[in-house]
């Protein structure tokens, strides 16, 4: 029976970081399990290598969610491949702002304490080594210069300036706000995933490191109150893999599934799937995400190609009365992506960065192949609906500037809806979707402690975006890498 020192479940953003850092100790054996396939950089399928667009279907878990009660079930893309969702995402490399972490009020998680990990993970090709940046980390980060902006993006930047927003040269600087080029983890439009950045040939060649792709974890294995391994399926056989400690890095949708199938979670959910309760943890399965809405445009006077990069720049701003530096993120999409094809149109998108809503993931089967029920509950409270309305109205103001009016005509929603606050209030709940940033499903401070431990369960850590108590005001890839970098340091010193 196989046994290792550290078993990592999930080779996504956090799993790749932990595998790299922990296996740097040659006396410590690390096994990394991943349900999806593995590719070396030179073997990557074209859609995974292409950093211009999301890869939404070829390596996907097939999860679905109901964004609002007024909408049907629609896809919630998550990457099923070594690299996880970092292998299929939009390559946006935002950190969020200091209050995002200070508001957690958790020991060890202030902005000041997190900043060294943000620096440790990045190789910022624009700023290099500064008080806020690093030029020597594993993940390259750069910003599209103005010479690379597509016409719709250039018009969007001009429109932001026309409305009086400040220019922002570094969207990752503490206190930054306004419009500017996105920090992105892609080079020459090639996506640099966590797998490519952290699971390098040198790491893969370590004798104490093993990567096992196409391995589906069913549940945890216990001896008393201690986790001693997992039941996993590979090569068509279910086997027990033993370890001195298990790190769950399956992501905010898959990690709660493993826990509930192992008897850890809300007692009613565990009982529903016929599993013996090990630990009642009611907050496992709560769900945070960034809700978004979009206006679609028919281009006029500009060439739009399905090969254009989706996003190059961003406007981060505040329209609410809360304490946050930015509560809205607005982006111009140079193309309109769908799961099946790319429509030759352009888009303006707005998402709430500090929503108050809380959704729910419910595990409905002990079979890991059965999809969970995901109720995202986007814009499900009045403060969020008010901010969403203001955000969509701001999209309309941008679209009505001279800079954008000449480049595109809004075709969805219709002009009467866009011009009527009453109709927009009715439209938003029927046209909201996820920002694809699920998180907070095993929150620190309630479901887990500040080091990812669940009370009463030994030998187990949760080490992914499931732990976020509140969602950062940014895309969550870089915050997840930061979290994993911090855990890697702690776990290198703590063998339990």
Protein backbone atom coordinates (compact mmCIF):
# COMPACT_ATOMS: atom_id res chain seq x y z
CA UNK A 1 0.00 0.00 0.00
CA UNK A 2 1.42 3.36 -1.10
CA UNK A 3 2.27 5.90 1.62
CA UNK A 4 3.78 9.38 1.35
CA UNK A 5 4.61 12.22 3.71
CA UNK A 6 2.29 14.77 2.07
CA UNK A 7 -0.59 13.96 -0.25
CA UNK A 8 -2.01 16.95 -2.15
CA UNK A 9 -5.49 16.56 -3.66
CA UNK A 10 -5.85 18.80 -6.69
CA UNK A 11 -3.14 20.18 -9.01
CA UNK A 12 -4.70 23.58 -9.55
CA UNK A 13 -3.32 26.93 -8.43
CA UNK A 14 -2.80 26.07 -4.77
CA UNK A 15 -1.83 22.44 -5.33
CA UNK A 16 0.88 23.35 -7.83
CA UNK A 17 2.41 25.89 -5.44
CA UNK A 18 2.42 23.48 -2.52
CA UNK A 19 3.84 20.62 -4.57
CA UNK A 20 6.71 22.83 -5.73
CA UNK A 21 7.57 24.34 -2.36
CA UNK A 22 7.17 21.25 -0.17
CA UNK A 23 9.07 18.92 -2.49
CA UNK A 24 12.04 21.30 -2.36
CA UNK A 25 12.98 19.36 0.78
CA UNK A 26 14.55 16.17 -0.65
CA UNK A 27 13.76 14.28 2.57
CA UNK A 28 10.02 14.90 2.24
CA UNK A 29 7.95 12.81 -0.20
CA UNK A 30 5.09 14.58 -1.98
CA UNK A 31 2.34 13.02 -4.07
CA UNK A 32 0.10 15.33 -6.13
CA UNK A 33 -3.23 13.91 -7.34
CA UNK A 34 -5.26 15.43 -10.17
CA UNK A 35 -8.55 14.25 -11.69
CA UNK A 36 -7.71 15.70 -15.10
CA UNK A 37 -4.92 15.01 -17.59
CA UNK A 38 -1.37 16.33 -17.48
CA UNK A 39 0.48 18.10 -20.29
CA UNK A 40 4.04 19.31 -20.55
CA UNK A 41 4.25 22.88 -21.90
CA UNK A 42 5.19 21.72 -25.39
CA UNK A 43 2.22 19.29 -25.40
CA UNK A 44 -0.50 21.76 -24.39
CA UNK A 45 -3.64 21.68 -26.52
CA UNK A 46 -4.04 24.98 -28.39
CA UNK A 47 -6.98 26.22 -26.31
CA UNK A 48 -5.03 25.76 -23.06
CA UNK A 49 -1.98 27.56 -24.42
CA UNK A 50 -4.03 30.44 -25.86
CA UNK A 51 -4.07 33.22 -23.28
CA UNK A 52 -6.31 35.40 -25.44
CA UNK A 53 -9.46 33.48 -24.57
CA UNK A 54 -10.89 31.23 -21.89
CA UNK A 55 -10.86 27.49 -22.53
CA UNK A 56 -14.43 26.82 -21.44
CA UNK A 57 -15.25 23.25 -22.44
CA UNK A 58 -12.41 20.91 -23.44
CA UNK A 59 -11.04 20.41 -19.91
CA UNK A 60 -14.03 21.25 -17.75
CA UNK A 61 -15.65 19.59 -14.74
CA UNK A 62 -19.11 20.16 -16.20
CA UNK A 63 -20.48 21.97 -13.14
CA UNK A 64 -23.66 23.98 -13.53
CA UNK A 65 -25.16 26.65 -11.33
CA UNK A 66 -28.32 28.69 -11.02
CA UNK A 67 -27.11 32.31 -10.90
CA UNK A 68 -30.43 33.73 -9.67
CA UNK A 69 -33.86 32.20 -8.96
CA UNK A 70 -35.06 33.70 -12.26
CA UNK A 71 -32.50 31.88 -14.40
CA UNK A 72 -32.00 28.29 -15.58
CA UNK A 73 -28.98 26.15 -14.79
CA UNK A 74 -26.00 27.30 -16.84
CA UNK A 75 -22.32 26.25 -16.99
CA UNK A 76 -19.92 27.16 -14.18
CA UNK A 77 -16.59 26.44 -15.88
CA UNK A 78 -13.78 25.00 -13.73
CA UNK A 79 -10.58 23.51 -15.12
CA UNK A 80 -10.17 19.74 -14.92
CA UNK A 81 -6.49 19.44 -15.82
CA UNK A 82 -3.12 19.82 -14.14
CA UNK A 83 -3.08 23.55 -13.52
CA UNK A 84 -6.80 23.59 -12.71
CA UNK A 85 -8.68 26.77 -13.54
CA UNK A 86 -5.37 28.62 -13.95
CA UNK A 87 -5.04 26.55 -17.13
CA UNK A 88 -8.32 27.81 -18.62
CA UNK A 89 -8.87 31.32 -17.18
CA UNK A 90 -8.52 34.86 -18.54
CA UNK A 91 -4.98 35.33 -17.17
CA UNK A 92 -5.91 38.29 -14.97
CA UNK A 93 -3.31 38.79 -12.24
CA UNK A 94 -4.96 41.11 -9.72
CA UNK A 95 -4.23 41.00 -5.99
CA UNK A 96 -7.09 42.97 -4.51
CA UNK A 97 -6.71 45.71 -1.94
CA UNK A 98 -5.42 45.85 1.68
CA UNK A 99 -8.88 45.95 3.26
CA UNK A 100 -9.80 42.69 1.49
CA UNK A 101 -7.42 40.88 3.84
CA UNK A 102 -7.43 43.19 6.84
CA UNK A 103 -11.22 42.78 7.13
CA UNK A 104 -10.78 39.05 7.74
CA UNK A 105 -9.54 39.94 11.21
CA UNK A 106 -7.61 36.66 11.32
CA UNK A 107 -4.21 36.12 12.88
CA UNK A 108 -1.56 36.00 10.16
CA UNK A 109 -3.75 37.26 7.33
CA UNK A 110 -3.38 41.04 7.31
CA UNK A 111 -2.34 42.81 4.10
CA UNK A 112 1.07 43.52 5.60
CA UNK A 113 1.55 39.83 6.33
CA UNK A 114 0.27 38.72 2.90
CA UNK A 115 2.30 41.17 0.80
CA UNK A 116 5.59 39.18 0.98
CA UNK A 117 3.77 36.15 -0.48
CA UNK A 118 2.25 38.27 -3.25
CA UNK A 119 5.77 39.39 -4.10
CA UNK A 120 7.25 35.89 -3.79
CA UNK A 121 4.95 34.45 -6.45
CA UNK A 122 5.44 37.08 -9.17
CA UNK A 123 7.98 38.07 -11.76
CA UNK A 124 6.62 41.49 -12.64
CA UNK A 125 8.09 42.27 -16.04
CA UNK A 126 7.01 45.92 -15.91
CA UNK A 127 7.97 46.99 -12.38
CA UNK A 128 10.61 44.46 -11.32
CA UNK A 129 11.87 44.63 -7.74
CA UNK A 130 10.18 47.39 -5.73
CA UNK A 131 8.59 47.72 -2.30
CA UNK A 132 5.37 46.28 -3.75
CA UNK A 133 6.63 44.00 -6.54
CA UNK A 134 9.17 41.31 -7.33
CA UNK A 135 11.05 40.51 -10.49
CA UNK A 136 12.19 37.03 -9.49
CA UNK A 137 9.11 34.91 -8.73
CA UNK A 138 7.89 31.94 -10.79
CA UNK A 139 4.82 33.60 -12.38
CA UNK A 140 5.50 36.22 -15.08
CA UNK A 141 3.17 39.23 -14.98
CA UNK A 142 2.93 41.97 -17.60
CA UNK A 143 0.51 44.62 -18.86
CA UNK A 144 -0.57 45.20 -22.47
CA UNK A 145 1.05 48.48 -23.61
CA UNK A 146 -1.11 50.95 -25.47
CA UNK A 147 0.46 49.86 -28.76
CA UNK A 148 -1.22 46.44 -28.32
CA UNK A 149 -4.70 47.67 -27.40
CA UNK A 150 -7.48 46.68 -29.78
CA UNK A 151 -9.76 49.50 -31.00
CA UNK A 152 -12.59 48.65 -28.58
CA UNK A 153 -10.17 48.61 -25.64
CA UNK A 154 -8.59 51.90 -26.74
CA UNK A 155 -12.06 53.43 -27.02
CA UNK A 156 -12.95 52.15 -23.57
CA UNK A 157 -9.82 53.74 -22.07
CA UNK A 158 -10.69 57.02 -23.76
CA UNK A 159 -14.27 56.78 -22.49
CA UNK A 160 -13.05 56.28 -18.90
CA UNK A 161 -10.92 59.39 -19.25
CA UNK A 162 -13.85 61.36 -20.67
CA UNK A 163 -15.95 60.49 -17.61
CA UNK A 164 -13.22 61.75 -15.30
CA UNK A 165 -11.84 58.52 -13.88
CA UNK A 166 -8.15 58.61 -12.89
CA UNK A 167 -5.52 56.74 -14.87
CA UNK A 168 -3.98 53.83 -12.95
CA UNK A 169 -0.53 52.63 -14.07
CA UNK A 170 -0.45 49.73 -11.57
CA UNK A 171 -3.73 48.01 -10.73
CA UNK A 172 -1.92 45.94 -8.08
CA UNK A 173 -0.64 48.89 -6.05
CA UNK A 174 -2.19 49.30 -2.60
CA UNK A 175 -4.94 51.91 -2.82
CA UNK A 176 -5.00 51.87 -6.64
CA UNK A 177 -8.20 52.81 -8.44
CA UNK A 178 -9.23 54.00 -11.88
CA UNK A 179 -8.50 52.72 -15.39
CA UNK A 180 -5.43 51.10 -16.82
CA UNK A 181 -3.91 48.00 -18.38
CA UNK A 182 -4.64 44.73 -16.60
CA UNK A 183 -1.82 42.90 -14.88
CA UNK A 184 -1.90 39.53 -16.66
CA UNK A 185 -0.02 36.22 -16.48
CA UNK A 186 0.56 35.64 -20.17
CA UNK A 187 3.59 36.10 -22.42
CA UNK A 188 3.16 36.71 -26.15
CA UNK A 189 -0.51 35.79 -25.59
CA UNK A 190 0.47 32.40 -24.13
CA UNK A 191 -1.25 31.56 -20.85
CA UNK A 192 1.27 30.86 -18.08
CA UNK A 193 -0.68 28.65 -15.72
CA UNK A 194 0.26 27.65 -12.20
CA UNK A 195 1.31 24.30 -13.68
CA UNK A 196 3.76 25.88 -16.10
CA UNK A 197 5.08 28.34 -13.51
CA UNK A 198 5.46 25.95 -10.58
CA UNK A 199 5.58 22.38 -11.95
CA UNK A 200 8.65 22.98 -14.06
CA UNK A 201 10.81 20.20 -15.54
CA UNK A 202 13.23 20.56 -12.63
CA UNK A 203 10.43 20.12 -10.10
CA UNK A 204 8.98 17.16 -11.98
CA UNK A 205 12.42 15.53 -11.99
CA UNK A 206 12.70 15.49 -8.19
CA UNK A 207 12.93 11.94 -6.88
CA UNK A 208 10.70 12.79 -3.91
CA UNK A 209 7.88 14.22 -6.05
CA UNK A 210 5.20 12.24 -7.91
CA UNK A 211 2.36 13.61 -10.01
CA UNK A 212 -0.59 11.30 -10.57
CA UNK A 213 -3.07 12.67 -13.16
CA UNK A 214 -6.41 11.11 -14.08
CA UNK A 215 -6.89 10.23 -10.41
CA UNK A 216 -10.34 10.92 -8.95
CA UNK A 217 -10.55 11.21 -5.16
CA UNK A 218 -13.72 9.73 -3.66
CA UNK A 219 -13.27 10.44 0.04
CA UNK A 220 -10.91 10.68 2.99
CA UNK A 221 -9.73 7.65 4.97
CA UNK A 222 -9.61 7.79 8.78
CA UNK A 223 -8.05 6.03 11.72
CA UNK A 224 -10.09 7.36 14.62
CA UNK A 225 -10.18 11.14 14.26
CA UNK A 226 -7.08 11.27 12.07
CA UNK A 227 -7.07 11.41 8.28
CA UNK A 228 -4.52 8.86 7.05
CA UNK A 229 -5.16 9.01 3.32
CA UNK A 230 -7.79 8.94 0.60
CA UNK A 231 -9.85 6.51 -1.43
CA UNK A 232 -9.05 7.34 -5.03
CA UNK A 233 -9.83 5.92 -8.44
CA UNK A 234 -7.11 5.59 -11.05
CA UNK A 235 -6.65 3.24 -13.97
CA UNK A 236 -10.21 2.01 -13.33
CA UNK A 237 -9.45 0.79 -9.80
CA UNK A 238 -10.37 2.25 -6.43
CA UNK A 239 -7.46 2.13 -4.02
CA UNK A 240 -6.35 3.55 -0.70
CA UNK A 241 -3.45 5.97 -0.78
CA UNK A 242 -1.99 6.59 2.65
CA UNK A 243 -0.21 9.73 3.83
CA UNK A 244 1.05 11.35 7.00
CA UNK A 245 -1.00 14.40 6.08
CA UNK A 246 -3.53 15.31 3.40
CA UNK A 247 -3.88 18.77 1.86
CA UNK A 248 -7.17 19.51 0.09
CA UNK A 249 -6.58 21.79 -2.91
CA UNK A 250 -9.53 20.74 -5.07
CA UNK A 251 -10.95 24.24 -5.40
CA UNK A 252 -14.00 25.88 -3.89
CA UNK A 253 -16.48 23.60 -5.68
CA UNK A 254 -14.71 20.24 -5.40
CA UNK A 255 -13.16 20.55 -1.92
CA UNK A 256 -16.50 20.70 -0.04
CA UNK A 257 -17.62 17.68 -2.05
CA UNK A 258 -14.70 15.61 -0.79
CA UNK A 259 -15.38 16.74 2.77
CA UNK A 260 -19.11 15.98 2.72
CA UNK A 261 -18.52 12.58 1.10
CA UNK A 262 -16.14 11.96 4.01
CA UNK A 263 -18.74 12.86 6.65
CA UNK A 264 -17.55 16.43 7.29
CA UNK A 265 -20.07 19.20 6.65
CA UNK A 266 -23.66 20.17 7.42
CA UNK A 267 -25.26 17.20 9.17
CA UNK A 268 -28.31 17.29 6.89
CA UNK A 269 -26.17 17.21 3.74
CA UNK A 270 -24.07 14.32 5.05
CA UNK A 271 -27.19 12.37 6.03
CA UNK A 272 -28.83 13.08 2.65
CA UNK A 273 -26.11 11.16 0.81
CA UNK A 274 -26.13 8.27 3.28
CA UNK A 275 -22.73 8.89 4.84
CA UNK A 276 -21.97 8.57 8.55
CA UNK A 277 -21.41 11.97 10.14
CA UNK A 278 -17.82 12.54 11.24
CA UNK A 279 -18.02 16.25 12.06
CA UNK A 280 -20.94 18.67 11.80
CA UNK A 281 -19.57 21.84 10.15
CA UNK A 282 -22.54 23.94 8.99
CA UNK A 283 -20.55 26.55 7.03
CA UNK A 284 -19.05 24.03 4.61
CA UNK A 285 -20.76 24.68 1.29
CA UNK A 286 -21.52 28.38 1.67
CA UNK A 287 -20.51 30.10 -1.56
CA UNK A 288 -19.03 33.47 -2.47
CA UNK A 289 -18.63 34.81 -6.00
CA UNK A 290 -18.53 38.01 -8.04
CA UNK A 291 -21.85 38.64 -9.84
CA UNK A 292 -21.67 40.26 -13.25
CA UNK A 293 -23.76 41.76 -16.03
CA UNK A 294 -22.86 42.71 -19.57
CA UNK A 295 -23.96 44.87 -22.48
CA UNK A 296 -23.43 43.41 -25.96
CA UNK A 297 -22.59 45.61 -28.95
CA UNK A 298 -22.53 45.32 -32.71
CA UNK A 299 -19.23 46.86 -33.86
CA UNK A 300 -19.22 49.72 -36.32
CA UNK A 301 -16.19 51.16 -38.04
CA UNK A 302 -13.75 48.68 -36.48
CA UNK A 303 -12.49 45.22 -37.38
CA UNK A 304 -13.22 42.54 -34.77
CA UNK A 305 -11.53 39.15 -34.97
CA UNK A 306 -12.35 35.95 -33.13
CA UNK A 307 -8.59 35.76 -32.49
CA UNK A 308 -8.49 39.05 -30.55
CA UNK A 309 -7.66 38.91 -26.82
CA UNK A 310 -10.84 39.08 -24.79
CA UNK A 311 -9.61 41.56 -22.18
CA UNK A 312 -6.65 43.93 -21.97
CA UNK A 313 -7.64 46.75 -19.60
CA UNK A 314 -9.86 47.45 -16.62
CA UNK A 315 -11.65 50.19 -14.72
CA UNK A 316 -11.77 49.68 -10.96
CA UNK A 317 -13.97 52.16 -9.15
CA UNK A 318 -16.28 52.76 -6.23
CA UNK A 319 -19.96 53.71 -6.47
CA UNK A 320 -21.28 52.49 -3.11
CA UNK A 321 -20.92 53.92 0.38
CA UNK A 322 -18.87 51.11 1.90
CA UNK A 323 -15.26 51.30 3.05
CA UNK A 324 -13.75 49.58 0.01
CA UNK A 325 -11.40 51.24 -2.47
CA UNK A 326 -13.16 49.54 -5.39
CA UNK A 327 -16.59 47.89 -5.35
CA UNK A 328 -16.98 47.62 -9.15
CA UNK A 329 -14.78 46.12 -11.84
CA UNK A 330 -15.60 47.17 -15.41
CA UNK A 331 -13.96 45.62 -18.47
CA UNK A 332 -14.21 45.99 -22.22
CA UNK A 333 -14.36 42.69 -24.07
CA UNK A 334 -12.85 42.80 -27.56
CA UNK A 335 -14.88 39.73 -28.47
CA UNK A 336 -17.95 37.99 -27.04
CA UNK A 337 -17.02 34.51 -25.82
CA UNK A 338 -19.49 31.65 -25.53
CA UNK A 339 -19.02 27.99 -24.71
CA UNK A 340 -19.64 26.90 -28.28
CA UNK A 341 -18.37 29.71 -30.52
CA UNK A 342 -17.18 33.27 -30.51
CA UNK A 343 -19.52 35.94 -31.85
CA UNK A 344 -17.82 38.80 -33.69
CA UNK A 345 -19.16 41.47 -31.35
CA UNK A 346 -17.84 43.47 -28.43
CA UNK A 347 -18.96 43.80 -24.85
CA UNK A 348 -18.85 45.95 -21.71
CA UNK A 349 -18.90 43.96 -18.47
CA UNK A 350 -19.40 44.99 -14.86
CA UNK A 351 -19.01 42.85 -11.75
CA UNK A 352 -19.55 43.57 -8.07
CA UNK A 353 -16.28 43.18 -6.21
CA UNK A 354 -17.57 43.14 -2.62
CA UNK A 355 -21.02 41.54 -2.83
CA UNK A 356 -23.03 40.80 0.30
CA UNK A 357 -24.80 37.72 -1.05
CA UNK A 358 -23.98 34.18 0.04
CA UNK A 359 -24.86 31.22 -2.18
CA UNK A 360 -24.80 27.52 -1.42
CA UNK A 361 -23.25 24.32 -2.76
CA UNK A 362 -25.07 21.13 -1.80
CA UNK A 363 -23.48 17.73 -2.34
CA UNK A 364 -26.25 15.37 -3.45
CA UNK A 365 -24.46 12.03 -3.88
CA UNK A 366 -21.62 9.98 -2.47
CA UNK A 367 -20.56 9.40 -6.09
CA UNK A 368 -17.87 11.99 -6.98
CA UNK A 369 -19.08 12.00 -10.59
CA UNK A 370 -22.48 13.42 -9.65
CA UNK A 371 -22.46 17.20 -9.93
CA UNK A 372 -23.35 19.19 -6.80
CA UNK A 373 -26.30 21.56 -6.74
CA UNK A 374 -24.95 25.10 -6.93
CA UNK A 375 -27.25 27.98 -6.04
CA UNK A 376 -25.16 31.11 -6.53
CA UNK A 377 -27.81 33.57 -5.27
CA UNK A 378 -26.21 36.44 -7.18
CA UNK A 379 -27.64 39.91 -6.50
CA UNK A 380 -29.99 38.31 -3.98
CA UNK A 381 -30.11 41.23 -1.56
CA UNK A 382 -31.04 44.86 -1.95
CA UNK A 383 -27.55 46.38 -1.46
CA UNK A 384 -26.15 44.14 -4.22
CA UNK A 385 -29.07 44.90 -6.52
CA UNK A 386 -28.56 48.63 -5.98
CA UNK A 387 -24.86 48.37 -6.81
CA UNK A 388 -25.55 46.17 -9.83
CA UNK A 389 -28.03 48.75 -11.12
CA UNK A 390 -25.53 51.55 -10.70
CA UNK A 391 -22.89 49.43 -12.39
CA UNK A 392 -25.04 48.73 -15.44
CA UNK A 393 -26.00 52.40 -15.62
CA UNK A 394 -22.30 53.25 -15.62
CA UNK A 395 -21.81 50.87 -18.54
CA UNK A 396 -24.51 52.85 -20.34
CA UNK A 397 -22.72 56.12 -19.58
CA UNK A 398 -19.46 54.74 -20.97
CA UNK A 399 -21.24 53.41 -24.05
CA UNK A 400 -22.79 56.83 -24.65
CA UNK A 401 -19.45 58.65 -24.75
CA UNK A 402 -18.19 59.86 -28.09
CA UNK A 403 -15.26 57.45 -27.81
CA UNK A 404 -17.45 54.32 -27.73
CA UNK A 405 -20.62 55.47 -29.45
CA UNK A 406 -18.76 55.59 -32.76
CA UNK A 407 -17.37 52.06 -32.29
CA UNK A 408 -20.43 50.02 -31.33
CA UNK A 409 -24.21 49.97 -31.05
CA UNK A 410 -25.75 48.24 -28.04
CA UNK A 411 -27.93 45.31 -29.09
CA UNK A 412 -28.52 43.70 -25.67
CA UNK A 413 -30.33 44.78 -23.68
CA UNK A 414 -32.49 46.82 -26.00
CA UNK A 415 -32.36 50.62 -25.97
CA UNK A 416 -35.66 51.03 -24.06
CA UNK A 417 -34.38 48.76 -21.29
CA UNK A 418 -31.01 50.49 -21.08
CA UNK A 419 -32.66 53.90 -20.80
CA UNK A 420 -35.18 52.93 -18.12
CA UNK A 421 -34.17 52.40 -14.50
CA UNK A 422 -37.42 50.55 -13.88
CA UNK A 423 -36.78 48.11 -16.75
CA UNK A 424 -33.12 47.66 -15.81
CA UNK A 425 -34.17 46.64 -12.29
CA UNK A 426 -36.27 43.89 -13.86
CA UNK A 427 -33.60 42.90 -16.39
CA UNK A 428 -30.61 42.49 -14.04
CA UNK A 429 -31.92 39.41 -12.12
CA UNK A 430 -32.59 37.67 -15.45
CA UNK A 431 -29.17 38.45 -16.94
CA UNK A 432 -26.62 38.02 -14.14
CA UNK A 433 -23.88 35.43 -14.15
CA UNK A 434 -20.86 34.33 -12.18
CA UNK A 435 -17.50 36.01 -12.48
CA UNK A 436 -16.16 32.43 -12.26
CA UNK A 437 -14.60 33.17 -8.87
CA UNK A 438 -16.26 30.64 -6.52
CA UNK A 439 -14.69 30.78 -3.08
CA UNK A 440 -15.36 30.74 0.64
CA UNK A 441 -16.90 27.26 0.80
CA UNK A 442 -14.81 26.21 3.82
CA UNK A 443 -14.23 29.63 5.40
CA UNK A 444 -11.47 30.34 7.85
CA UNK A 445 -12.79 31.58 11.17
CA UNK A 446 -15.82 29.28 11.16
CA UNK A 447 -15.40 26.05 9.18
CA UNK A 448 -11.60 25.99 9.49
CA UNK A 449 -8.96 27.76 11.53
CA UNK A 450 -6.37 30.20 10.20
CA UNK A 451 -4.14 27.30 9.13
CA UNK A 452 -6.86 25.37 7.28
CA UNK A 453 -7.50 22.82 10.05
CA UNK A 454 -10.98 21.55 10.89
CA UNK A 455 -11.54 21.16 14.62
CA UNK A 456 -11.48 17.54 15.76
CA UNK A 457 -9.94 16.23 12.51
CA UNK A 458 -6.19 15.59 12.54
CA UNK A 459 -3.85 15.12 9.59
CA UNK A 460 -5.94 17.30 7.26
CA UNK A 461 -5.61 20.83 5.90
CA UNK A 462 -7.76 22.76 3.47
CA UNK A 463 -5.40 24.92 1.38
CA UNK A 464 -7.33 26.61 -1.42
CA UNK A 465 -9.79 29.43 -2.18
CA UNK A 466 -12.41 27.58 -0.15
CA UNK A 467 -10.82 29.26 2.87
CA UNK A 468 -11.58 32.90 1.96
CA UNK A 469 -13.89 34.30 4.67
CA UNK A 470 -14.83 37.17 2.35
CA UNK A 471 -14.11 37.49 -1.33
CA UNK A 472 -11.28 39.82 -2.44
CA UNK A 473 -12.09 42.79 -4.67
CA UNK A 474 -10.28 41.14 -7.56
CA UNK A 475 -10.10 37.99 -9.62
CA UNK A 476 -9.08 35.19 -7.27
CA UNK A 477 -6.20 33.45 -9.08
CA UNK A 478 -3.43 35.58 -7.56
CA UNK A 479 -4.99 35.61 -4.06
CA UNK A 480 -5.16 31.81 -4.24
CA UNK A 481 -1.49 31.56 -5.20
CA UNK A 482 -0.68 33.93 -2.34
CA UNK A 483 -2.61 31.75 0.10
CA UNK A 484 -0.76 28.65 -1.08
CA UNK A 485 2.62 30.38 -0.80
CA UNK A 486 1.82 31.19 2.84
CA UNK A 487 0.70 27.64 3.58
CA UNK A 488 3.83 26.27 1.94
CA UNK A 489 6.00 28.23 4.34
CA UNK A 490 3.99 27.11 7.37
CA UNK A 491 3.81 23.49 6.30
CA UNK A 492 7.51 23.30 5.58
CA UNK A 493 8.08 23.88 9.28
CA UNK A 494 5.08 21.89 10.54
CA UNK A 495 5.02 18.22 9.58
CA UNK A 496 1.58 17.54 11.13
